[in-house]
């Protein structure tokens, strides 16, 4: 087993935890649809997170060529961004109480000040991990544009609870990530 296969095994398990939490959360929401109110933000951002998780996992395969993970620190750096994805999945997924109505918009506004800073931490850790790639010096600008654009779009979300602003940023991010998923080559995120 190569070092890449070894670390990829851990990355796969960590990403599986993240996907499982999202999918189980969606399952709970579907089963409790009659008590769920205003699901737009939670469903929108959890779908966005699903696409980001997929981008990150598929992009991680780029590390098998020319990246020699020699130190525990490099391996931990490689695992840190997927671990943040798991935490993001736990933050965005609401706890539902049997028989009680759940306003998911209220949940979103309670967790947004955790969720978006954690997304920024994910982008930072992913960018730091990308420095291990042999072509990083030639590709750092193109690798940074998407995450930087997404990060800048989050700024208004820290300062307002206006629903229209949050809807606009969500739609912008969903369009950007979906269009990117069909137009960009798979690479590390």
Protein backbone atom coordinates (compact mmCIF):
# COMPACT_ATOMS: atom_id res chain seq x y z
CA UNK A 1 0.00 0.00 0.00
CA UNK A 2 1.42 3.37 -1.00
CA UNK A 3 1.41 6.39 1.31
CA UNK A 4 -1.25 7.97 -0.87
CA UNK A 5 -3.51 4.91 -0.62
CA UNK A 6 -2.98 4.88 3.15
CA UNK A 7 -3.92 8.54 3.62
CA UNK A 8 -6.74 8.26 1.06
CA UNK A 9 -8.26 5.47 3.15
CA UNK A 10 -8.49 7.89 6.09
CA UNK A 11 -9.80 10.71 3.89
CA UNK A 12 -12.47 8.37 2.51
CA UNK A 13 -13.64 7.39 5.98
CA UNK A 14 -13.77 11.02 7.14
CA UNK A 15 -15.64 12.11 4.00
CA UNK A 16 -18.04 9.19 4.49
CA UNK A 17 -18.88 10.51 7.98
CA UNK A 18 -19.67 13.89 6.48
CA UNK A 19 -21.84 12.46 3.71
CA UNK A 20 -23.60 10.13 6.13
CA UNK A 21 -24.52 12.99 8.44
CA UNK A 22 -25.89 15.03 5.54
CA UNK A 23 -27.85 12.13 4.07
CA UNK A 24 -29.24 11.03 7.43
CA UNK A 25 -30.21 14.63 8.13
CA UNK A 26 -32.05 14.83 4.82
CA UNK A 27 -33.73 11.51 5.64
CA UNK A 28 -34.93 12.84 9.00
CA UNK A 29 -36.24 15.97 7.30
CA UNK A 30 -38.11 13.92 4.70
CA UNK A 31 -39.63 11.64 7.33
CA UNK A 32 -40.67 14.67 9.41
CA UNK A 33 -41.79 16.85 6.49
CA UNK A 34 -45.10 17.63 8.22
CA UNK A 35 -43.36 19.37 11.14
CA UNK A 36 -40.63 21.16 9.12
CA UNK A 37 -41.11 24.84 8.35
CA UNK A 38 -39.09 27.16 6.08
CA UNK A 39 -36.40 24.69 4.91
CA UNK A 40 -34.84 26.85 2.13
CA UNK A 41 -31.56 27.81 3.82
CA UNK A 42 -30.80 24.47 5.47
CA UNK A 43 -31.56 22.48 2.32
CA UNK A 44 -29.77 24.97 0.06
CA UNK A 45 -26.57 25.18 2.11
CA UNK A 46 -26.53 21.45 2.83
CA UNK A 47 -26.78 20.77 -0.94
CA UNK A 48 -23.99 23.30 -1.48
CA UNK A 49 -21.95 21.48 1.17
CA UNK A 50 -22.60 18.14 -0.56
CA UNK A 51 -21.15 19.54 -3.80
CA UNK A 52 -18.13 20.99 -1.91
CA UNK A 53 -17.52 17.63 -0.23
CA UNK A 54 -17.65 15.93 -3.62
CA UNK A 55 -15.28 18.49 -5.16
CA UNK A 56 -12.84 18.08 -2.30
CA UNK A 57 -12.88 14.28 -2.33
CA UNK A 58 -12.48 13.98 -6.09
CA UNK A 59 -9.84 16.71 -6.11
CA UNK A 60 -7.85 14.91 -3.45
CA UNK A 61 -6.93 12.29 -6.03
CA UNK A 62 -4.66 14.92 -7.58
CA UNK A 63 -2.32 14.33 -4.63
CA UNK A 64 -1.35 10.85 -5.83
CA UNK A 65 0.97 12.37 -8.45
CA UNK A 66 4.10 13.96 -7.12
CA UNK A 67 3.06 14.55 -3.50
CA UNK A 68 5.20 12.65 -1.04
CA UNK A 69 3.52 12.84 2.33
CA UNK A 70 6.56 12.19 4.50
CA UNK A 71 5.67 13.74 7.82
CA UNK A 72 2.81 13.30 10.24
CA UNK A 73 2.24 17.05 9.94
CA UNK A 74 1.67 16.80 6.19
CA UNK A 75 -0.73 13.89 6.72
CA UNK A 76 -2.60 15.79 9.41
CA UNK A 77 -2.80 18.79 7.11
CA UNK A 78 -4.29 16.54 4.43
CA UNK A 79 -6.87 15.22 6.89
CA UNK A 80 -7.74 18.57 8.49
CA UNK A 81 -9.96 19.94 5.71
CA UNK A 82 -12.07 16.74 5.49
CA UNK A 83 -12.46 16.82 9.28
CA UNK A 84 -13.82 20.36 9.03
CA UNK A 85 -16.30 19.07 6.43
CA UNK A 86 -17.59 16.56 8.99
CA UNK A 87 -18.00 19.33 11.54
CA UNK A 88 -19.82 21.47 8.96
CA UNK A 89 -22.20 18.59 8.29
CA UNK A 90 -22.99 18.36 12.00
CA UNK A 91 -23.52 22.12 12.26
CA UNK A 92 -25.90 22.42 9.29
CA UNK A 93 -27.97 19.32 10.13
CA UNK A 94 -30.76 20.19 12.58
CA UNK A 95 -31.94 18.12 15.50
CA UNK A 96 -35.62 17.32 15.09
CA UNK A 97 -37.87 16.62 18.07
CA UNK A 98 -40.70 14.17 17.51
CA UNK A 99 -44.06 15.88 17.23
CA UNK A 100 -42.69 19.42 17.56
CA UNK A 101 -42.63 21.86 14.65
CA UNK A 102 -39.14 22.84 13.57
CA UNK A 103 -38.47 26.16 11.90
CA UNK A 104 -35.34 25.49 9.85
CA UNK A 105 -34.87 29.18 9.08
CA UNK A 106 -34.49 29.86 12.81
CA UNK A 107 -31.99 26.97 12.96
CA UNK A 108 -30.05 28.49 10.06
CA UNK A 109 -29.85 31.92 11.70
CA UNK A 110 -28.68 30.29 14.96
CA UNK A 111 -25.87 28.36 13.28
CA UNK A 112 -24.77 30.78 10.54
CA UNK A 113 -22.13 32.40 12.76
CA UNK A 114 -20.55 28.96 13.21
CA UNK A 115 -21.14 27.59 9.74
CA UNK A 116 -19.60 30.32 7.58
CA UNK A 117 -16.43 30.84 9.65
CA UNK A 118 -15.94 27.06 9.55
CA UNK A 119 -16.34 27.15 5.75
CA UNK A 120 -13.60 29.79 5.67
CA UNK A 121 -11.40 27.56 7.84
CA UNK A 122 -12.06 24.70 5.40
CA UNK A 123 -11.00 26.89 2.44
CA UNK A 124 -7.87 27.97 4.33
CA UNK A 125 -6.89 24.41 5.24
CA UNK A 126 -7.57 23.22 1.70
CA UNK A 127 -5.39 26.00 0.32
CA UNK A 128 -2.60 25.13 2.73
CA UNK A 129 -2.83 21.49 1.70
CA UNK A 130 -2.61 22.54 -1.96
CA UNK A 131 0.85 23.98 -1.27
CA UNK A 132 2.06 20.36 -1.17
CA UNK A 133 1.22 19.92 -4.86
CA UNK A 134 4.22 20.08 -7.21
CA UNK A 135 2.46 22.48 -9.61
CA UNK A 136 1.24 24.84 -6.89
CA UNK A 137 3.53 27.71 -7.93
CA UNK A 138 2.06 27.67 -11.43
CA UNK A 139 -1.57 27.08 -10.41
CA UNK A 140 -2.08 28.93 -7.12
CA UNK A 141 -3.93 31.83 -8.74
CA UNK A 142 -6.46 29.63 -10.54
CA UNK A 143 -6.85 27.49 -7.40
CA UNK A 144 -7.56 30.56 -5.28
CA UNK A 145 -10.15 32.35 -7.43
CA UNK A 146 -13.15 30.12 -6.63
CA UNK A 147 -12.66 29.86 -2.87
CA UNK A 148 -11.84 33.59 -2.66
CA UNK A 149 -14.98 34.50 -4.58
CA UNK A 150 -17.09 32.28 -2.34
CA UNK A 151 -15.43 33.63 0.81
CA UNK A 152 -16.05 37.25 -0.21
CA UNK A 153 -19.70 36.43 -0.91
CA UNK A 154 -20.10 35.32 2.73
CA UNK A 155 -19.15 38.73 4.16
CA UNK A 156 -22.68 40.21 4.11
CA UNK A 157 -24.01 37.12 5.92
CA UNK A 158 -22.02 38.01 9.04
CA UNK A 159 -23.64 41.42 9.36
CA UNK A 160 -27.32 40.96 8.56
CA UNK A 161 -30.28 38.73 9.16
CA UNK A 162 -32.14 40.15 6.17
CA UNK A 163 -33.68 37.18 4.42
CA UNK A 164 -33.26 38.70 0.95
CA UNK A 165 -29.49 39.07 1.39
CA UNK A 166 -29.19 35.48 2.60
CA UNK A 167 -31.30 34.19 -0.30
CA UNK A 168 -29.19 36.15 -2.82
CA UNK A 169 -25.89 34.82 -1.41
CA UNK A 170 -27.27 31.27 -1.32
CA UNK A 171 -28.46 31.47 -4.93
CA UNK A 172 -25.12 33.00 -6.04
CA UNK A 173 -23.17 30.23 -4.30
CA UNK A 174 -25.39 27.45 -5.62
CA UNK A 175 -25.17 28.75 -9.18
CA UNK A 176 -21.40 29.20 -8.92
CA UNK A 177 -20.75 25.76 -7.46
CA UNK A 178 -23.10 23.93 -9.82
CA UNK A 179 -21.76 25.72 -12.91
CA UNK A 180 -18.20 25.04 -11.69
CA UNK A 181 -19.00 21.37 -11.23
CA UNK A 182 -19.87 21.11 -14.92
CA UNK A 183 -17.17 23.37 -16.34
CA UNK A 184 -14.01 22.83 -14.29
CA UNK A 185 -11.66 19.89 -14.36
CA UNK A 186 -11.44 17.91 -11.16
CA UNK A 187 -8.70 19.33 -8.96
CA UNK A 188 -7.97 19.89 -5.33
CA UNK A 189 -10.26 22.33 -3.53
